[in-house]
C-alpha atoms as a PDB file:
ATOM      1  CA  UNK A   1     116.975  87.710  99.854  1.00  0.00           C
ATOM      2  CA  UNK A   2     115.858  86.483 103.202  1.00  0.00           C
ATOM      3  CA  UNK A   3     112.597  84.576 103.221  1.00  0.00           C
ATOM      4  CA  UNK A   4     109.970  84.738 100.560  1.00  0.00           C
ATOM      5  CA  UNK A   5     108.512  87.722  98.781  1.00  0.00           C
ATOM      6  CA  UNK A   6     104.826  87.930  98.016  1.00  0.00           C
ATOM      7  CA  UNK A   7     103.867  90.120  95.093  1.00  0.00           C
ATOM      8  CA  UNK A   8     100.267  91.140  94.611  1.00  0.00           C
ATOM      9  CA  UNK A   9      98.893  92.922  91.584  1.00  0.00           C
ATOM     10  CA  UNK A  10      96.696  94.797  94.060  1.00  0.00           C
ATOM     11  CA  UNK A  11      99.736  96.273  95.815  1.00  0.00           C
ATOM     12  CA  UNK A  12     100.131  99.991  95.181  1.00  0.00           C
ATOM     13  CA  UNK A  13     103.924  99.538  95.087  1.00  0.00           C
ATOM     14  CA  UNK A  14     103.646  96.796  92.473  1.00  0.00           C
ATOM     15  CA  UNK A  15     101.269  98.880  90.377  1.00  0.00           C
ATOM     16  CA  UNK A  16     103.508 101.958  90.539  1.00  0.00           C
ATOM     17  CA  UNK A  17     106.480  99.893  89.430  1.00  0.00           C
ATOM     18  CA  UNK A  18     104.475  98.153  86.717  1.00  0.00           C
ATOM     19  CA  UNK A  19     103.281 101.469  85.303  1.00  0.00           C
ATOM     20  CA  UNK A  20     106.783 102.981  85.334  1.00  0.00           C
ATOM     21  CA  UNK A  21     108.397  99.973  83.663  1.00  0.00           C
ATOM     22  CA  UNK A  22     105.581  99.810  81.105  1.00  0.00           C
ATOM     23  CA  UNK A  23     106.161 103.479  80.289  1.00  0.00           C
ATOM     24  CA  UNK A  24     109.914 102.909  80.032  1.00  0.00           C
ATOM     25  CA  UNK A  25     109.260 100.168  77.461  1.00  0.00           C
ATOM     26  CA  UNK A  26     106.954 102.339  75.375  1.00  0.00           C
ATOM     27  CA  UNK A  27     103.422 102.030  76.729  1.00  0.00           C
ATOM     28  CA  UNK A  28     101.467 105.274  76.846  1.00  0.00           C
ATOM     29  CA  UNK A  29      98.057 106.403  78.065  1.00  0.00           C
ATOM     30  CA  UNK A  30      95.537 103.634  78.730  1.00  0.00           C
ATOM     31  CA  UNK A  31      98.154 101.018  77.794  1.00  0.00           C
ATOM     32  CA  UNK A  32      99.880 101.735  81.110  1.00  0.00           C
ATOM     33  CA  UNK A  33      97.114 100.087  83.116  1.00  0.00           C
ATOM     34  CA  UNK A  34      95.534  97.802  80.494  1.00  0.00           C
ATOM     35  CA  UNK A  35      97.101  94.697  82.059  1.00  0.00           C
ATOM     36  CA  UNK A  36      95.554  95.712  85.393  1.00  0.00           C
ATOM     37  CA  UNK A  37      91.999  95.436  84.050  1.00  0.00           C
ATOM     38  CA  UNK A  38      89.744  93.812  86.620  1.00  0.00           C
ATOM     39  CA  UNK A  39      91.862  95.121  89.484  1.00  0.00           C
ATOM     40  CA  UNK A  40      91.237  98.393  91.263  1.00  0.00           C
ATOM     41  CA  UNK A  41      94.102 100.663  90.294  1.00  0.00           C
ATOM     42  CA  UNK A  42      95.586 102.192  93.434  1.00  0.00           C
ATOM     43  CA  UNK A  43      95.440 105.970  93.778  1.00  0.00           C
ATOM     44  CA  UNK A  44      99.247 106.090  93.907  1.00  0.00           C
ATOM     45  CA  UNK A  45      99.485 104.227  90.588  1.00  0.00           C
ATOM     46  CA  UNK A  46      96.842 106.482  89.043  1.00  0.00           C
ATOM     47  CA  UNK A  47      98.937 109.474  90.142  1.00  0.00           C
ATOM     48  CA  UNK A  48     101.963 107.994  88.369  1.00  0.00           C
ATOM     49  CA  UNK A  49      99.909 107.461  85.199  1.00  0.00           C
ATOM     50  CA  UNK A  50      98.786 111.083  85.393  1.00  0.00           C
ATOM     51  CA  UNK A  51     102.338 112.334  85.911  1.00  0.00           C
ATOM     52  CA  UNK A  52     103.627 110.253  83.007  1.00  0.00           C
ATOM     53  CA  UNK A  53     100.955 111.818  80.813  1.00  0.00           C
ATOM     54  CA  UNK A  54     101.996 115.391  81.634  1.00  0.00           C
ATOM     55  CA  UNK A  55     102.180 117.699  78.628  1.00  0.00           C
ATOM     56  CA  UNK A  56     105.765 118.725  79.379  1.00  0.00           C
ATOM     57  CA  UNK A  57     108.531 116.240  78.625  1.00  0.00           C
ATOM     58  CA  UNK A  58     110.644 117.424  81.574  1.00  0.00           C
ATOM     59  CA  UNK A  59     107.792 116.661  83.968  1.00  0.00           C
ATOM     60  CA  UNK A  60     107.328 113.197  82.466  1.00  0.00           C
ATOM     61  CA  UNK A  61     111.065 112.559  82.796  1.00  0.00           C
ATOM     62  CA  UNK A  62     111.008 113.735  86.407  1.00  0.00           C
ATOM     63  CA  UNK A  63     108.083 111.413  87.201  1.00  0.00           C
ATOM     64  CA  UNK A  64     109.703 108.429  85.500  1.00  0.00           C
ATOM     65  CA  UNK A  65     113.016 109.106  87.218  1.00  0.00           C
ATOM     66  CA  UNK A  66     111.339 109.256  90.611  1.00  0.00           C
ATOM     67  CA  UNK A  67     109.565 105.941  90.089  1.00  0.00           C
ATOM     68  CA  UNK A  68     112.630 104.162  88.712  1.00  0.00           C
ATOM     69  CA  UNK A  69     114.600 105.570  91.651  1.00  0.00           C
ATOM     70  CA  UNK A  70     112.065 104.092  94.069  1.00  0.00           C
ATOM     71  CA  UNK A  71     112.401 100.729  92.320  1.00  0.00           C
ATOM     72  CA  UNK A  72     116.207 100.827  92.373  1.00  0.00           C
ATOM     73  CA  UNK A  73     116.208 101.758  96.055  1.00  0.00           C
ATOM     74  CA  UNK A  74     113.900  98.863  96.912  1.00  0.00           C
ATOM     75  CA  UNK A  75     115.941  96.391  94.873  1.00  0.00           C
ATOM     76  CA  UNK A  76     119.078  97.579  96.632  1.00  0.00           C
ATOM     77  CA  UNK A  77     117.400  97.298 100.029  1.00  0.00           C
ATOM     78  CA  UNK A  78     116.426  93.717  99.271  1.00  0.00           C
ATOM     79  CA  UNK A  79     119.873  92.833  97.996  1.00  0.00           C
ATOM     80  CA  UNK A  80     118.637  92.150  94.476  1.00  0.00           C
ATOM     81  CA  UNK A  81     121.736  93.735  92.907  1.00  0.00           C
ATOM     82  CA  UNK A  82     124.111  91.290  94.561  1.00  0.00           C
END
């Protein structure tokens, strides 16, 4: 990586990633944002929570795949895989 990276819990990108990874590791419902208590949850992260709570498994899988894909793309862009 070139330079430093600043990560803020208030960042919508961080929150989206946090929610997706939390879901991947078994968190569901309110657990997905429990660690973000005291921080305004970004609309984008709230949308991910909603998508991951969809009644249909295929829709949840699609939402999780999209978020993990975004994370993988960003890690690749930053050279984190090297």
